Amino acid sequence: MHQSTLSAGRDLSLIVLTLEIVVLGLVPGIILYYTTRWLSGFLPEVTPFLRSITARVRTVEQQGKAIMLKIAMPFVLLHSIATGMDETVSVILRRR
């Protein structure tokens, strides 16, 4: 009788664990299902807004690059001229 009680408890615990796994698997599945349904209706409303934000960000990026080019260009030009003069002087001094 002791063995039958143990086997009945074992069988019952297996059934409970199986049901628990099924329920725990269904919850994320249901959440995922409703999330995808919500997103499929939400994306057409948001897409134009996201495209306009992307266009604004690209415009700001282009303006920033243009400004930085105007600020950095004189320094780059002066540095390249100074480097060229240094190289020229070193070549002339090596030939003597």
Protein backbone atom coordinates (compact mmCIF):
# COMPACT_ATOMS: atom_id res chain seq x y z
CA MET A 1 0.00 0.00 0.00
CA HIS A 2 2.92 2.29 0.65
CA GLN A 3 4.20 1.75 -2.90
CA SER A 4 0.85 2.56 -4.47
CA THR A 5 0.67 5.83 -2.52
CA LEU A 6 4.14 6.78 -3.74
CA SER A 7 3.37 5.93 -7.35
CA ALA A 8 0.07 7.82 -7.21
CA GLY A 9 1.87 10.85 -5.78
CA ARG A 10 4.54 10.55 -8.47
CA ASP A 11 1.91 10.37 -11.23
CA LEU A 12 0.01 13.30 -9.76
CA SER A 13 3.17 15.40 -9.50
CA LEU A 14 4.05 14.63 -13.14
CA ILE A 15 0.59 15.75 -14.22
CA VAL A 16 0.87 18.95 -12.16
CA LEU A 17 4.33 19.71 -13.58
CA THR A 18 3.12 19.09 -17.13
CA LEU A 19 0.18 21.44 -16.64
CA GLU A 20 2.47 24.03 -15.09
CA ILE A 21 4.83 23.88 -18.08
CA VAL A 22 1.92 24.21 -20.52
CA VAL A 23 0.48 27.20 -18.63
CA LEU A 24 3.88 28.89 -18.29
CA GLY A 25 4.45 28.35 -22.01
CA LEU A 26 1.07 29.75 -22.96
CA VAL A 27 1.46 33.03 -21.09
CA PRO A 28 4.45 34.32 -23.13
CA GLY A 29 2.82 32.99 -26.29
CA ILE A 30 -0.38 34.89 -25.64
CA ILE A 31 1.54 38.05 -24.76
CA LEU A 32 3.56 37.72 -27.96
CA TYR A 33 0.42 37.18 -30.04
CA TYR A 34 -1.34 40.27 -28.72
CA THR A 35 1.82 42.35 -28.97
CA THR A 36 2.25 41.49 -32.65
CA ARG A 37 -1.43 42.28 -33.30
CA TRP A 38 -1.04 45.64 -31.56
CA LEU A 39 2.18 46.43 -33.43
CA SER A 40 0.67 45.60 -36.82
CA GLY A 41 -2.00 48.23 -36.19
CA PHE A 42 0.39 50.69 -34.55
CA LEU A 43 3.22 50.72 -37.09
CA PRO A 44 1.31 52.38 -39.97
CA GLU A 45 0.48 55.28 -37.66
CA VAL A 46 4.03 55.71 -36.40
CA THR A 47 5.99 55.12 -39.62
CA PRO A 48 5.45 58.59 -41.16
CA PHE A 49 6.45 60.23 -37.88
CA LEU A 50 9.61 58.13 -37.68
CA ARG A 51 10.48 58.97 -41.30
CA SER A 52 10.12 62.70 -40.61
CA ILE A 53 12.35 62.40 -37.54
CA THR A 54 14.93 60.50 -39.60
CA ALA A 55 14.88 63.25 -42.25
CA ARG A 56 15.38 65.94 -39.59
CA VAL A 57 18.25 64.03 -38.01
CA ARG A 58 19.95 63.65 -41.40
CA THR A 59 19.52 67.37 -42.10
CA VAL A 60 21.05 68.29 -38.74
CA GLU A 61 23.88 65.82 -39.38
CA GLN A 62 24.63 67.36 -42.79
CA GLN A 63 24.57 70.88 -41.34
CA GLY A 64 26.86 69.79 -38.51
CA LYS A 65 29.32 68.26 -40.93
CA ALA A 66 29.30 71.43 -43.07
CA ILE A 67 29.92 73.64 -40.03
CA MET A 68 32.69 71.40 -38.73
CA LEU A 69 34.29 71.37 -42.18
CA LYS A 70 34.28 75.18 -42.21
CA ILE A 71 35.78 75.31 -38.74
CA ALA A 72 38.40 72.61 -39.25
CA MET A 73 39.43 73.39 -42.84
CA PRO A 74 41.73 76.35 -42.02
CA PHE A 75 43.55 74.31 -39.38
CA VAL A 76 43.98 71.36 -41.73
CA LEU A 77 45.20 73.67 -44.49
CA LEU A 78 47.69 75.42 -42.21
CA HIS A 79 48.92 72.11 -40.84
CA SER A 80 49.44 70.69 -44.31
CA ILE A 81 51.30 73.83 -45.44
CA ALA A 82 53.52 73.72 -42.35
CA THR A 83 54.24 70.03 -42.86
CA GLY A 84 55.08 70.64 -46.52
CA MET A 85 57.43 73.46 -45.58
CA ASP A 86 59.13 71.28 -42.96
CA GLU A 87 59.62 68.49 -45.50
CA THR A 88 60.97 70.94 -48.06
CA VAL A 89 63.45 72.43 -45.60
CA SER A 90 64.59 68.97 -44.48
CA VAL A 91 65.13 67.86 -48.11
CA ILE A 92 67.09 71.03 -48.90
CA LEU A 93 69.25 70.62 -45.78
CA ARG A 94 69.96 66.96 -46.61
CA ARG A 95 71.27 67.88 -50.06
CA ARG A 96 73.90 70.28 -48.69
